[in-house]
């Protein structure tokens, strides 16, 4: 069903508030940004803001969901490329995701400090569940292709896909734990490399992929984040 004018206006106005939030996160950081800052930036009333978002936490949730919205089409284009093998598609996905995050490093760090606060645990789980549902079909297609090509060995591609997503979330959690500790240096890079190697090995074993066939992150990107 086509959107009505009112629905289009609602989506457009909500998007404007998120655009302003993005700008403020870059200039002030999410911690320092207030609802009043957003209101002042857009010159709207408090009532207008709360018509679209019930709190600052609601803005945070929407910002994270927008990040997923932006990267999902990239994954879809990789999955649908008939010229790439399954391993190439999986590798391209990891590299594309890494480049996307690295290009927005300051934004990501600003959001992570708040996103991983205890009070956002429920929202964080809610967004993860939503993301899992969205990307599982596409990653499952890559795994199914890999099985057909003989590079992956598993009887349960959909369930293995979900396990992989949980595994990658564990890797992200481990990295974020390092990033949120103000203790950068050689020891932190070394620990990050160790956890990356461990999770890469686990991913290859779960998929039944050849040893050394998957690279979740290259060393240059790893050092860019941790050194």
N, C-alpha and C. Protein backbone atom coordinates (compact mmCIF):
# COMPACT_ATOMS: atom_id res chain seq x y z
N UNK A 1 0.85 -1.19 0.00
CA UNK A 1 0.00 0.00 0.00
C UNK A 1 0.89 1.25 0.00
N UNK A 2 0.54 2.21 -0.86
CA UNK A 2 1.34 3.44 -0.95
C UNK A 2 1.16 4.27 0.32
N UNK A 3 2.22 4.97 0.66
CA UNK A 3 2.15 5.83 1.84
C UNK A 3 1.23 7.01 1.58
N UNK A 4 0.50 7.43 2.60
CA UNK A 4 -0.30 8.64 2.50
C UNK A 4 0.61 9.84 2.68
N UNK A 5 0.09 11.04 2.37
CA UNK A 5 0.87 12.26 2.54
C UNK A 5 1.29 12.43 4.00
N UNK A 6 0.36 12.13 4.92
CA UNK A 6 0.67 12.28 6.34
C UNK A 6 1.78 11.33 6.75
N UNK A 7 1.75 10.11 6.24
CA UNK A 7 2.81 9.16 6.57
C UNK A 7 4.15 9.62 6.02
N UNK A 8 4.14 10.16 4.79
CA UNK A 8 5.38 10.66 4.19
C UNK A 8 5.93 11.84 4.98
N UNK A 9 5.03 12.72 5.43
CA UNK A 9 5.46 13.86 6.24
C UNK A 9 6.06 13.39 7.56
N UNK A 10 5.44 12.38 8.15
CA UNK A 10 5.93 11.85 9.43
C UNK A 10 7.34 11.29 9.26
N UNK A 11 7.53 10.47 8.21
CA UNK A 11 8.85 9.87 7.96
C UNK A 11 9.88 10.94 7.68
N UNK A 12 9.50 11.94 6.89
CA UNK A 12 10.44 13.01 6.53
C UNK A 12 10.85 13.81 7.76
N UNK A 13 9.89 14.14 8.61
CA UNK A 13 10.19 14.94 9.79
C UNK A 13 11.05 14.15 10.78
N UNK A 14 10.73 12.87 10.92
CA UNK A 14 11.51 12.02 11.80
C UNK A 14 12.95 11.91 11.29
N UNK A 15 13.09 11.83 9.98
CA UNK A 15 14.41 11.76 9.38
C UNK A 15 15.20 13.05 9.62
N UNK A 16 14.53 14.18 9.60
CA UNK A 16 15.19 15.46 9.87
C UNK A 16 15.75 15.49 11.29
N UNK A 17 14.99 14.95 12.23
CA UNK A 17 15.46 14.91 13.62
C UNK A 17 16.69 14.02 13.74
N UNK A 18 16.69 12.90 13.03
CA UNK A 18 17.85 12.01 13.06
C UNK A 18 19.06 12.65 12.38
N UNK A 19 18.82 13.40 11.30
CA UNK A 19 19.92 14.11 10.64
C UNK A 19 20.57 15.11 11.59
N UNK A 20 19.74 15.84 12.30
CA UNK A 20 20.25 16.82 13.27
C UNK A 20 21.01 16.11 14.38
N UNK A 21 20.50 14.96 14.81
CA UNK A 21 21.17 14.19 15.86
C UNK A 21 22.54 13.73 15.40
N UNK A 22 22.63 13.27 14.15
CA UNK A 22 23.92 12.87 13.58
C UNK A 22 24.91 14.02 13.66
N UNK A 23 24.48 15.20 13.23
CA UNK A 23 25.38 16.36 13.23
C UNK A 23 25.85 16.68 14.65
N UNK A 24 24.93 16.61 15.58
CA UNK A 24 25.27 16.95 16.97
C UNK A 24 26.17 15.90 17.61
N UNK A 25 25.97 14.64 17.23
CA UNK A 25 26.85 13.59 17.75
C UNK A 25 28.28 13.84 17.28
N UNK A 26 28.43 14.25 16.03
CA UNK A 26 29.76 14.53 15.49
C UNK A 26 30.42 15.72 16.19
N UNK A 27 29.63 16.75 16.46
CA UNK A 27 30.21 17.99 17.01
C UNK A 27 30.31 17.98 18.53
N UNK A 28 29.39 17.28 19.21
CA UNK A 28 29.36 17.34 20.66
C UNK A 28 29.58 15.98 21.34
N UNK A 29 29.28 14.91 20.60
CA UNK A 29 29.28 13.59 21.21
C UNK A 29 27.89 13.29 21.75
N UNK A 30 27.51 12.01 21.77
CA UNK A 30 26.16 11.67 22.18
C UNK A 30 25.92 11.98 23.65
N UNK A 31 26.93 11.77 24.48
CA UNK A 31 26.78 12.03 25.92
C UNK A 31 26.39 13.48 26.19
N UNK A 32 27.08 14.39 25.48
CA UNK A 32 26.86 15.82 25.71
C UNK A 32 25.63 16.37 24.99
N UNK A 33 25.21 15.68 23.94
CA UNK A 33 24.04 16.13 23.21
C UNK A 33 22.77 15.98 24.06
N UNK A 34 21.93 16.98 24.03
CA UNK A 34 20.67 16.93 24.78
C UNK A 34 19.49 17.04 23.82
N UNK A 35 18.33 16.70 24.32
CA UNK A 35 17.11 16.89 23.52
C UNK A 35 16.94 18.35 23.16
N UNK A 36 17.30 19.23 24.09
CA UNK A 36 17.17 20.66 23.81
C UNK A 36 18.08 21.09 22.67
N UNK A 37 19.26 20.47 22.57
CA UNK A 37 20.16 20.77 21.45
C UNK A 37 19.49 20.46 20.12
N UNK A 38 18.82 19.33 20.06
CA UNK A 38 18.12 18.93 18.83
C UNK A 38 17.00 19.91 18.53
N UNK A 39 16.25 20.27 19.56
CA UNK A 39 15.15 21.22 19.40
C UNK A 39 15.66 22.57 18.90
N UNK A 40 16.76 23.03 19.48
CA UNK A 40 17.32 24.32 19.07
C UNK A 40 17.86 24.27 17.65
N UNK A 41 18.49 23.15 17.29
CA UNK A 41 19.06 23.01 15.95
C UNK A 41 17.98 23.08 14.88
N UNK A 42 16.84 22.43 15.14
CA UNK A 42 15.76 22.38 14.15
C UNK A 42 14.73 23.49 14.33
N UNK A 43 14.85 24.21 15.47
CA UNK A 43 13.88 25.27 15.79
C UNK A 43 12.46 24.73 15.81
N UNK A 44 12.30 23.64 16.57
CA UNK A 44 10.97 23.05 16.75
C UNK A 44 10.62 23.09 18.23
N UNK A 45 9.41 22.76 18.54
CA UNK A 45 8.97 22.75 19.94
C UNK A 45 9.28 21.40 20.58
N UNK A 46 9.25 21.38 21.91
CA UNK A 46 9.44 20.11 22.61
C UNK A 46 8.34 19.12 22.24
N UNK A 47 7.13 19.65 22.09
CA UNK A 47 6.02 18.78 21.72
C UNK A 47 6.24 18.12 20.37
N UNK A 48 6.83 18.89 19.44
CA UNK A 48 7.11 18.34 18.11
C UNK A 48 8.13 17.22 18.20
N UNK A 49 9.18 17.42 19.02
CA UNK A 49 10.19 16.37 19.18
C UNK A 49 9.57 15.11 19.77
N UNK A 50 8.82 15.26 20.86
CA UNK A 50 8.29 14.09 21.55
C UNK A 50 7.15 13.42 20.79
N UNK A 51 6.70 14.06 19.72
CA UNK A 51 5.73 13.41 18.84
C UNK A 51 6.40 12.27 18.06
N UNK A 52 7.71 12.41 17.82
CA UNK A 52 8.44 11.43 17.02
C UNK A 52 9.33 10.50 17.86
N UNK A 53 9.82 11.00 18.99
CA UNK A 53 10.69 10.20 19.86
C UNK A 53 10.28 10.44 21.30
N UNK A 54 10.25 9.36 22.08
CA UNK A 54 9.82 9.52 23.47
C UNK A 54 10.95 9.90 24.41
N UNK A 55 12.21 9.84 23.91
CA UNK A 55 13.34 10.16 24.77
C UNK A 55 14.61 10.25 23.93
N UNK A 56 15.69 10.63 24.57
CA UNK A 56 17.00 10.62 23.91
C UNK A 56 17.41 9.18 23.59
N UNK A 57 17.05 8.24 24.44
CA UNK A 57 17.35 6.84 24.17
C UNK A 57 16.64 6.35 22.91
N UNK A 58 15.45 6.89 22.68
CA UNK A 58 14.72 6.55 21.45
C UNK A 58 15.46 7.02 20.22
N UNK A 59 16.12 8.17 20.32
CA UNK A 59 16.93 8.68 19.22
C UNK A 59 18.13 7.76 18.99
N UNK A 60 18.75 7.31 20.07
CA UNK A 60 19.89 6.41 19.97
C UNK A 60 19.49 5.13 19.25
N UNK A 61 18.38 4.55 19.64
CA UNK A 61 17.90 3.32 18.99
C UNK A 61 17.69 3.54 17.50
N UNK A 62 17.08 4.67 17.15
CA UNK A 62 16.81 4.97 15.75
C UNK A 62 18.10 5.21 14.96
N UNK A 63 19.09 5.83 15.60
CA UNK A 63 20.37 6.06 14.94
C UNK A 63 21.05 4.73 14.61
N UNK A 64 21.02 3.81 15.54
CA UNK A 64 21.64 2.50 15.31
C UNK A 64 20.88 1.75 14.21
N UNK A 65 19.57 1.83 14.22
CA UNK A 65 18.78 1.17 13.19
C UNK A 65 19.06 1.79 11.82
N UNK A 66 19.32 3.09 11.79
CA UNK A 66 19.64 3.74 10.52
C UNK A 66 20.97 3.23 9.99
N UNK A 67 21.92 2.97 10.88
CA UNK A 67 23.20 2.41 10.46
C UNK A 67 22.98 1.07 9.75
N UNK A 68 22.10 0.24 10.31
CA UNK A 68 21.78 -1.04 9.68
C UNK A 68 21.10 -0.81 8.33
N UNK A 69 20.20 0.18 8.27
CA UNK A 69 19.52 0.50 7.02
C UNK A 69 20.52 0.88 5.92
N UNK A 70 21.58 1.57 6.31
CA UNK A 70 22.55 2.06 5.32
C UNK A 70 23.44 0.94 4.80
N UNK A 71 23.77 -0.01 5.65
CA UNK A 71 24.72 -1.05 5.23
C UNK A 71 24.03 -2.27 4.63
N UNK A 72 22.74 -2.46 4.91
CA UNK A 72 22.05 -3.64 4.40
C UNK A 72 22.03 -3.70 2.86
N UNK A 73 21.76 -2.60 2.14
CA UNK A 73 21.77 -2.68 0.67
C UNK A 73 23.12 -3.10 0.10
N UNK A 74 24.20 -2.74 0.80
CA UNK A 74 25.53 -3.14 0.35
C UNK A 74 25.66 -4.66 0.42
N UNK A 75 25.19 -5.24 1.54
CA UNK A 75 25.22 -6.69 1.69
C UNK A 75 24.39 -7.35 0.61
N UNK A 76 23.22 -6.82 0.34
CA UNK A 76 22.34 -7.42 -0.66
C UNK A 76 23.00 -7.42 -2.03
N UNK A 77 23.66 -6.30 -2.39
CA UNK A 77 24.32 -6.23 -3.70
C UNK A 77 25.45 -7.25 -3.81
N UNK A 78 26.15 -7.50 -2.70
CA UNK A 78 27.22 -8.50 -2.71
C UNK A 78 26.63 -9.90 -2.89
N UNK A 79 25.57 -10.19 -2.14
CA UNK A 79 24.95 -11.52 -2.20
C UNK A 79 24.43 -11.83 -3.60
N UNK A 80 23.89 -10.83 -4.27
CA UNK A 80 23.25 -11.05 -5.57
C UNK A 80 24.23 -11.00 -6.75
N UNK A 81 25.51 -10.75 -6.49
CA UNK A 81 26.50 -10.68 -7.56
C UNK A 81 26.77 -12.09 -8.11
N UNK A 82 26.42 -12.37 -9.36
CA UNK A 82 26.60 -13.72 -9.90
C UNK A 82 28.05 -14.06 -10.24
N UNK A 83 28.92 -13.06 -10.22
CA UNK A 83 30.31 -13.28 -10.61
C UNK A 83 31.20 -13.69 -9.43
N UNK A 84 30.71 -13.55 -8.21
CA UNK A 84 31.54 -13.83 -7.03
C UNK A 84 31.26 -15.22 -6.46
N UNK A 85 32.33 -15.86 -5.99
CA UNK A 85 32.16 -17.12 -5.28
C UNK A 85 31.66 -16.83 -3.88
N UNK A 86 31.27 -17.88 -3.16
CA UNK A 86 30.77 -17.70 -1.79
C UNK A 86 31.83 -17.10 -0.89
N UNK A 87 33.05 -17.60 -0.98
CA UNK A 87 34.13 -17.07 -0.15
C UNK A 87 34.42 -15.61 -0.49
N UNK A 88 34.35 -15.26 -1.76
CA UNK A 88 34.56 -13.86 -2.17
C UNK A 88 33.45 -12.97 -1.62
N UNK A 89 32.23 -13.46 -1.66
CA UNK A 89 31.11 -12.68 -1.13
C UNK A 89 31.26 -12.46 0.36
N UNK A 90 31.61 -13.52 1.09
CA UNK A 90 31.76 -13.40 2.53
C UNK A 90 32.89 -12.44 2.87
N UNK A 91 34.00 -12.56 2.14
CA UNK A 91 35.14 -11.67 2.37
C UNK A 91 34.80 -10.24 2.03
N UNK A 92 34.09 -10.03 0.92
CA UNK A 92 33.69 -8.68 0.51
C UNK A 92 32.77 -8.05 1.55
N UNK A 93 31.90 -8.87 2.13
CA UNK A 93 31.00 -8.35 3.15
C UNK A 93 31.77 -7.85 4.37
N UNK A 94 32.72 -8.66 4.84
CA UNK A 94 33.52 -8.24 6.00
C UNK A 94 34.33 -6.98 5.69
N UNK A 95 34.94 -6.94 4.52
CA UNK A 95 35.77 -5.78 4.15
C UNK A 95 34.93 -4.53 3.99
N UNK A 96 33.75 -4.67 3.39
CA UNK A 96 32.86 -3.52 3.20
C UNK A 96 32.39 -2.99 4.54
N UNK A 97 32.01 -3.90 5.44
CA UNK A 97 31.55 -3.48 6.77
C UNK A 97 32.67 -2.78 7.52
N UNK A 98 33.89 -3.29 7.41
CA UNK A 98 35.03 -2.67 8.09
C UNK A 98 35.32 -1.28 7.55
N UNK A 99 35.28 -1.13 6.22
CA UNK A 99 35.52 0.19 5.62
C UNK A 99 34.44 1.18 6.04
N UNK A 100 33.21 0.71 6.07
CA UNK A 100 32.09 1.58 6.43
C UNK A 100 32.25 2.10 7.86
N UNK A 101 32.60 1.21 8.77
CA UNK A 101 32.77 1.59 10.16
C UNK A 101 33.99 2.49 10.35
N UNK A 102 35.09 2.18 9.65
CA UNK A 102 36.31 2.97 9.79
C UNK A 102 36.11 4.39 9.30
N UNK A 103 35.31 4.55 8.24
CA UNK A 103 35.04 5.88 7.70
C UNK A 103 34.22 6.72 8.65
N UNK A 104 33.56 6.07 9.60
CA UNK A 104 32.70 6.77 10.58
C UNK A 104 33.19 6.49 12.00
N UNK A 105 34.49 6.40 12.15
CA UNK A 105 35.07 5.99 13.43
C UNK A 105 34.65 6.90 14.58
N UNK A 106 34.72 8.21 14.39
CA UNK A 106 34.37 9.12 15.48
C UNK A 106 32.91 8.98 15.88
N UNK A 107 32.04 8.81 14.89
CA UNK A 107 30.62 8.61 15.19
C UNK A 107 30.42 7.30 15.94
N UNK A 108 31.05 6.24 15.45
CA UNK A 108 30.88 4.93 16.07
C UNK A 108 31.35 4.94 17.52
N UNK A 109 32.50 5.55 17.78
CA UNK A 109 33.02 5.59 19.15
C UNK A 109 32.11 6.38 20.06
N UNK A 110 31.57 7.48 19.54
CA UNK A 110 30.68 8.31 20.35
C UNK A 110 29.41 7.54 20.72
N UNK A 111 28.86 6.80 19.77
CA UNK A 111 27.64 6.04 20.04
C UNK A 111 27.91 4.84 20.93
N UNK A 112 29.06 4.19 20.73
CA UNK A 112 29.35 2.96 21.48
C UNK A 112 29.40 3.20 22.99
N UNK A 113 29.96 4.33 23.39
CA UNK A 113 30.10 4.62 24.81
C UNK A 113 28.74 4.65 25.51
N UNK A 114 27.73 5.09 24.76
CA UNK A 114 26.38 5.15 25.33
C UNK A 114 25.63 3.85 25.07
N UNK A 115 25.81 3.30 23.87
CA UNK A 115 25.09 2.11 23.44
C UNK A 115 25.35 0.93 24.37
N UNK A 116 26.57 0.85 24.91
CA UNK A 116 26.93 -0.26 25.77
C UNK A 116 26.77 0.06 27.26
N UNK A 117 26.11 1.14 27.57
CA UNK A 117 25.80 1.43 28.97
C UNK A 117 24.72 0.46 29.45
N UNK A 118 24.73 0.16 30.74
CA UNK A 118 23.80 -0.82 31.30
C UNK A 118 22.34 -0.46 31.03
N UNK A 119 22.03 0.82 31.08
CA UNK A 119 20.63 1.22 30.94
C UNK A 119 20.09 1.01 29.52
N UNK A 120 20.99 0.75 28.56
CA UNK A 120 20.54 0.52 27.19
C UNK A 120 20.58 -0.96 26.80
N UNK A 121 20.72 -1.84 27.78
CA UNK A 121 20.85 -3.27 27.50
C UNK A 121 19.62 -3.83 26.78
N UNK A 122 18.43 -3.43 27.21
CA UNK A 122 17.20 -3.95 26.60
C UNK A 122 17.06 -3.46 25.17
N UNK A 123 17.31 -2.17 24.96
CA UNK A 123 17.23 -1.61 23.60
C UNK A 123 18.28 -2.26 22.71
N UNK A 124 19.46 -2.48 23.25
CA UNK A 124 20.55 -3.10 22.48
C UNK A 124 20.15 -4.50 22.02
N UNK A 125 19.54 -5.27 22.90
CA UNK A 125 19.11 -6.62 22.54
C UNK A 125 17.99 -6.57 21.51
N UNK A 126 17.11 -5.60 21.65
CA UNK A 126 16.00 -5.44 20.71
C UNK A 126 16.52 -5.16 19.30
N UNK A 127 17.50 -4.26 19.19
CA UNK A 127 18.05 -3.92 17.88
C UNK A 127 18.82 -5.11 17.31
N UNK A 128 19.55 -5.83 18.16
CA UNK A 128 20.28 -7.00 17.68
C UNK A 128 19.32 -8.04 17.11
N UNK A 129 18.22 -8.30 17.79
CA UNK A 129 17.24 -9.28 17.31
C UNK A 129 16.67 -8.85 15.96
N UNK A 130 16.39 -7.55 15.83
CA UNK A 130 15.88 -7.02 14.56
C UNK A 130 16.91 -7.18 13.45
N UNK A 131 18.16 -6.87 13.76
CA UNK A 131 19.24 -6.99 12.77
C UNK A 131 19.43 -8.44 12.36
N UNK A 132 19.36 -9.35 13.33
CA UNK A 132 19.51 -10.77 13.06
C UNK A 132 18.48 -11.24 12.04
N UNK A 133 17.24 -10.82 12.21
CA UNK A 133 16.18 -11.21 11.29
C UNK A 133 16.41 -10.66 9.88
N UNK A 134 17.01 -9.46 9.82
CA UNK A 134 17.19 -8.82 8.52
C UNK A 134 18.34 -9.41 7.72
N UNK A 135 19.45 -9.73 8.38
CA UNK A 135 20.63 -10.16 7.63
C UNK A 135 20.75 -11.67 7.49
N UNK A 136 20.03 -12.43 8.33
CA UNK A 136 20.13 -13.88 8.26
C UNK A 136 19.80 -14.44 6.88
N UNK A 137 18.72 -14.00 6.22
CA UNK A 137 18.42 -14.57 4.89
C UNK A 137 19.55 -14.36 3.88
N UNK A 138 20.20 -13.19 3.93
CA UNK A 138 21.24 -12.89 2.95
C UNK A 138 22.51 -13.70 3.23
N UNK A 139 22.91 -13.79 4.47
CA UNK A 139 24.09 -14.58 4.81
C UNK A 139 23.84 -16.07 4.59
N UNK A 140 22.59 -16.50 4.81
CA UNK A 140 22.25 -17.90 4.55
C UNK A 140 22.44 -18.24 3.08
N UNK A 141 22.10 -17.30 2.20
CA UNK A 141 22.28 -17.52 0.76
C UNK A 141 23.76 -17.71 0.42
N UNK A 142 24.63 -16.96 1.08
CA UNK A 142 26.06 -17.12 0.85
C UNK A 142 26.53 -18.51 1.31
N UNK A 143 26.05 -18.92 2.49
CA UNK A 143 26.44 -20.23 3.01
C UNK A 143 25.93 -21.34 2.10
N UNK A 144 24.70 -21.22 1.61
CA UNK A 144 24.14 -22.23 0.71
C UNK A 144 24.96 -22.31 -0.57
N UNK A 145 25.38 -21.16 -1.08
CA UNK A 145 26.22 -21.15 -2.27
C UNK A 145 27.56 -21.84 -1.98
N UNK A 146 28.13 -21.55 -0.79
CA UNK A 146 29.39 -22.17 -0.42
C UNK A 146 29.29 -23.68 -0.31
N UNK A 147 28.15 -24.17 0.19
CA UNK A 147 27.93 -25.62 0.27
C UNK A 147 27.90 -26.21 -1.13
N UNK A 148 27.19 -25.53 -2.05
CA UNK A 148 27.10 -26.01 -3.43
C UNK A 148 28.47 -26.02 -4.11
N UNK A 149 29.31 -25.05 -3.73
CA UNK A 149 30.64 -24.95 -4.33
C UNK A 149 31.67 -25.86 -3.65
N UNK A 150 31.28 -26.45 -2.52
CA UNK A 150 32.16 -27.38 -1.83
C UNK A 150 33.18 -26.74 -0.92
N UNK A 151 32.99 -25.44 -0.60
CA UNK A 151 33.95 -24.77 0.29
C UNK A 151 33.44 -24.70 1.73
N UNK A 152 32.13 -24.86 1.93
CA UNK A 152 31.55 -24.94 3.26
C UNK A 152 30.98 -26.34 3.46
N UNK A 153 31.02 -26.82 4.68
CA UNK A 153 30.54 -28.16 4.97
C UNK A 153 29.62 -28.12 6.18
N UNK A 154 28.33 -27.97 5.93
CA UNK A 154 27.34 -27.97 7.01
C UNK A 154 26.00 -28.40 6.44
N UNK A 155 25.20 -29.09 7.26
CA UNK A 155 23.88 -29.54 6.83
C UNK A 155 22.78 -28.55 7.18
N UNK A 156 23.13 -27.54 7.99
CA UNK A 156 22.09 -26.65 8.50
C UNK A 156 22.47 -25.18 8.26
N UNK A 157 22.43 -24.72 7.01
CA UNK A 157 22.92 -23.38 6.68
C UNK A 157 22.23 -22.25 7.44
N UNK A 158 20.91 -22.32 7.62
CA UNK A 158 20.21 -21.23 8.30
C UNK A 158 20.61 -21.15 9.77
N UNK A 159 20.67 -22.30 10.44
CA UNK A 159 21.04 -22.29 11.85
C UNK A 159 22.51 -21.92 12.03
N UNK A 160 23.35 -22.40 11.12
CA UNK A 160 24.76 -22.04 11.17
C UNK A 160 24.93 -20.54 10.95
N UNK A 161 24.10 -19.98 10.07
CA UNK A 161 24.15 -18.54 9.83
C UNK A 161 23.86 -17.77 11.11
N UNK A 162 22.82 -18.19 11.83
CA UNK A 162 22.48 -17.52 13.08
C UNK A 162 23.63 -17.65 14.09
N UNK A 163 24.24 -18.83 14.14
CA UNK A 163 25.38 -19.03 15.04
C UNK A 163 26.52 -18.09 14.67
N UNK A 164 26.73 -17.90 13.35
CA UNK A 164 27.79 -17.01 12.90
C UNK A 164 27.53 -15.57 13.32
N UNK A 165 26.27 -15.15 13.23
CA UNK A 165 25.93 -13.78 13.61
C UNK A 165 26.19 -13.57 15.11
N UNK A 166 25.81 -14.56 15.92
CA UNK A 166 26.09 -14.48 17.36
C UNK A 166 27.60 -14.47 17.61
N UNK A 167 28.33 -15.26 16.83
CA UNK A 167 29.78 -15.30 16.98
C UNK A 167 30.40 -13.94 16.65
N UNK A 168 29.94 -13.33 15.56
CA UNK A 168 30.46 -12.02 15.16
C UNK A 168 30.08 -10.95 16.18
N UNK A 169 28.90 -11.11 16.80
CA UNK A 169 28.52 -10.17 17.85
C UNK A 169 29.45 -10.31 19.04
N UNK A 170 29.85 -11.53 19.34
CA UNK A 170 30.81 -11.75 20.42
C UNK A 170 32.14 -11.11 20.12
N UNK A 171 32.58 -11.19 18.86
CA UNK A 171 33.82 -10.54 18.47
C UNK A 171 33.71 -9.03 18.64
N UNK A 172 32.58 -8.47 18.21
CA UNK A 172 32.36 -7.03 18.35
C UNK A 172 32.37 -6.62 19.82
N UNK A 173 31.72 -7.41 20.65
CA UNK A 173 31.69 -7.11 22.08
C UNK A 173 33.10 -7.12 22.66
N UNK A 174 33.90 -8.08 22.23
CA UNK A 174 35.28 -8.15 22.72
C UNK A 174 36.09 -6.94 22.29
N UNK A 175 35.95 -6.54 21.03
CA UNK A 175 36.64 -5.36 20.54
C UNK A 175 36.19 -4.10 21.27
N UNK A 176 34.89 -3.99 21.46
CA UNK A 176 34.34 -2.79 22.10
C UNK A 176 34.81 -2.67 23.54
N UNK A 177 34.96 -3.80 24.21
CA UNK A 177 35.49 -3.78 25.57
C UNK A 177 36.88 -3.14 25.60
N UNK A 178 37.71 -3.46 24.59
CA UNK A 178 39.04 -2.85 24.50
C UNK A 178 38.93 -1.36 24.18
N UNK A 179 38.04 -1.03 23.23
CA UNK A 179 37.92 0.35 22.77
C UNK A 179 37.45 1.29 23.87
N UNK A 180 36.58 0.79 24.74
CA UNK A 180 36.02 1.64 25.78
C UNK A 180 36.93 1.78 26.98
N UNK A 181 38.02 1.01 26.99
CA UNK A 181 39.02 1.15 28.05
C UNK A 181 40.10 2.10 27.55
N UNK A 182 40.34 3.17 28.27
CA UNK A 182 41.33 4.17 27.84
C UNK A 182 42.73 3.66 28.16
N UNK A 183 43.17 2.68 27.37
CA UNK A 183 44.46 2.05 27.65
C UNK A 183 45.09 1.58 26.34
N UNK A 184 45.07 2.45 25.33
CA UNK A 184 45.57 2.06 24.02
C UNK A 184 47.08 1.90 24.05
N UNK A 185 47.58 1.02 23.21
CA UNK A 185 49.01 0.76 23.15
C UNK A 185 49.29 -0.61 22.58
N UNK A 186 50.52 -1.03 22.61
CA UNK A 186 50.92 -2.29 21.99
C UNK A 186 50.18 -3.48 22.59
N UNK A 187 50.02 -3.50 23.91
CA UNK A 187 49.36 -4.64 24.56
C UNK A 187 47.92 -4.76 24.10
N UNK A 188 47.26 -3.63 23.88
CA UNK A 188 45.87 -3.66 23.44
C UNK A 188 45.77 -4.19 22.01
N UNK A 189 46.68 -3.77 21.15
CA UNK A 189 46.70 -4.28 19.77
C UNK A 189 46.95 -5.78 19.77
N UNK A 190 47.87 -6.23 20.60
CA UNK A 190 48.19 -7.65 20.67
C UNK A 190 46.98 -8.47 21.12
N UNK A 191 46.28 -7.98 22.12
CA UNK A 191 45.10 -8.69 22.61
C UNK A 191 44.00 -8.71 21.54
N UNK A 192 43.85 -7.60 20.83
CA UNK A 192 42.84 -7.52 19.77
C UNK A 192 43.16 -8.52 18.66
N UNK A 193 44.44 -8.66 18.32
CA UNK A 193 44.84 -9.62 17.31
C UNK A 193 44.54 -11.05 17.76
N UNK A 194 44.77 -11.32 19.03
CA UNK A 194 44.52 -12.67 19.55
C UNK A 194 43.03 -13.02 19.49
N UNK A 195 42.19 -12.07 19.90
CA UNK A 195 40.75 -12.35 19.88
C UNK A 195 40.25 -12.47 18.45
N UNK A 196 40.83 -11.69 17.52
CA UNK A 196 40.46 -11.79 16.11
C UNK A 196 40.83 -13.15 15.55
N UNK A 197 42.03 -13.63 15.87
CA UNK A 197 42.47 -14.95 15.40
C UNK A 197 41.58 -16.06 15.96
N UNK A 198 41.20 -15.94 17.22
CA UNK A 198 40.37 -16.96 17.85
C UNK A 198 38.99 -17.03 17.20
N UNK A 199 38.38 -15.87 16.97
CA UNK A 199 37.04 -15.85 16.39
C UNK A 199 37.06 -16.24 14.91
N UNK A 200 38.13 -15.90 14.20
CA UNK A 200 38.26 -16.31 12.81
C UNK A 200 38.36 -17.82 12.71
N UNK A 201 39.16 -18.41 13.59
CA UNK A 201 39.30 -19.87 13.62
C UNK A 201 37.96 -20.53 13.93
N UNK A 202 37.22 -19.97 14.89
CA UNK A 202 35.92 -20.53 15.26
C UNK A 202 34.93 -20.45 14.09
N UNK A 203 34.95 -19.31 13.37
CA UNK A 203 34.03 -19.13 12.24
C UNK A 203 34.32 -20.15 11.14
N UNK A 204 35.60 -20.37 10.84
CA UNK A 204 35.96 -21.34 9.81
C UNK A 204 35.54 -22.74 10.21
N UNK A 205 35.69 -23.07 11.49
CA UNK A 205 35.30 -24.41 11.95
C UNK A 205 33.79 -24.61 11.88
N UNK A 206 33.03 -23.59 12.26
CA UNK A 206 31.56 -23.70 12.21
C UNK A 206 31.07 -23.87 10.78
N UNK A 207 31.68 -23.14 9.85
CA UNK A 207 31.28 -23.22 8.45
C UNK A 207 31.84 -24.45 7.75
N UNK A 208 32.86 -25.07 8.36
CA UNK A 208 33.54 -26.16 7.68
C UNK A 208 34.36 -25.64 6.52
N UNK A 209 34.87 -24.41 6.66
CA UNK A 209 35.65 -23.77 5.60
C UNK A 209 37.13 -24.12 5.74
N UNK A 210 37.88 -24.06 4.64
CA UNK A 210 39.33 -24.35 4.70
C UNK A 210 40.04 -23.41 5.66
N UNK A 211 41.04 -23.92 6.35
CA UNK A 211 41.82 -23.11 7.28
C UNK A 211 42.50 -21.96 6.54
N UNK A 212 42.34 -20.75 7.08
CA UNK A 212 42.95 -19.58 6.47
C UNK A 212 42.18 -18.98 5.31
N UNK A 213 40.96 -19.48 5.06
CA UNK A 213 40.18 -19.00 3.91
C UNK A 213 39.37 -17.75 4.21
N UNK A 214 39.22 -17.41 5.50
CA UNK A 214 38.40 -16.26 5.89
C UNK A 214 39.26 -15.25 6.65
N UNK A 215 39.08 -13.99 6.33
CA UNK A 215 39.77 -12.91 7.05
C UNK A 215 38.72 -11.90 7.49
N UNK A 216 38.49 -11.85 8.80
CA UNK A 216 37.47 -10.95 9.33
C UNK A 216 37.91 -9.50 9.31
N UNK A 217 39.21 -9.25 9.45
CA UNK A 217 39.73 -7.89 9.45
C UNK A 217 41.23 -7.94 9.15
N UNK A 218 41.71 -7.02 8.32
CA UNK A 218 43.15 -7.00 8.03
C UNK A 218 43.88 -6.24 9.14
N UNK A 219 45.19 -6.41 9.19
CA UNK A 219 45.99 -5.83 10.27
C UNK A 219 45.98 -4.31 10.25
N UNK A 220 45.97 -3.72 9.06
CA UNK A 220 45.96 -2.25 8.97
C UNK A 220 44.71 -1.68 9.62
N UNK A 221 43.56 -2.29 9.34
CA UNK A 221 42.30 -1.82 9.93
C UNK A 221 42.31 -2.03 11.43
N UNK A 222 42.83 -3.19 11.86
CA UNK A 222 42.88 -3.49 13.29
C UNK A 222 43.73 -2.44 14.02
N UNK A 223 44.88 -2.12 13.48
CA UNK A 223 45.77 -1.16 14.13
C UNK A 223 45.19 0.26 14.07
N UNK A 224 44.40 0.53 13.02
CA UNK A 224 43.78 1.85 12.93
C UNK A 224 42.83 2.08 14.11
N UNK A 225 42.18 1.02 14.56
CA UNK A 225 41.23 1.13 15.66
C UNK A 225 41.89 1.05 17.03
N UNK A 226 42.97 0.29 17.14
CA UNK A 226 43.49 -0.02 18.47
C UNK A 226 44.85 0.58 18.81
N UNK A 227 45.56 1.14 17.85
CA UNK A 227 46.88 1.68 18.17
C UNK A 227 46.84 3.20 18.23
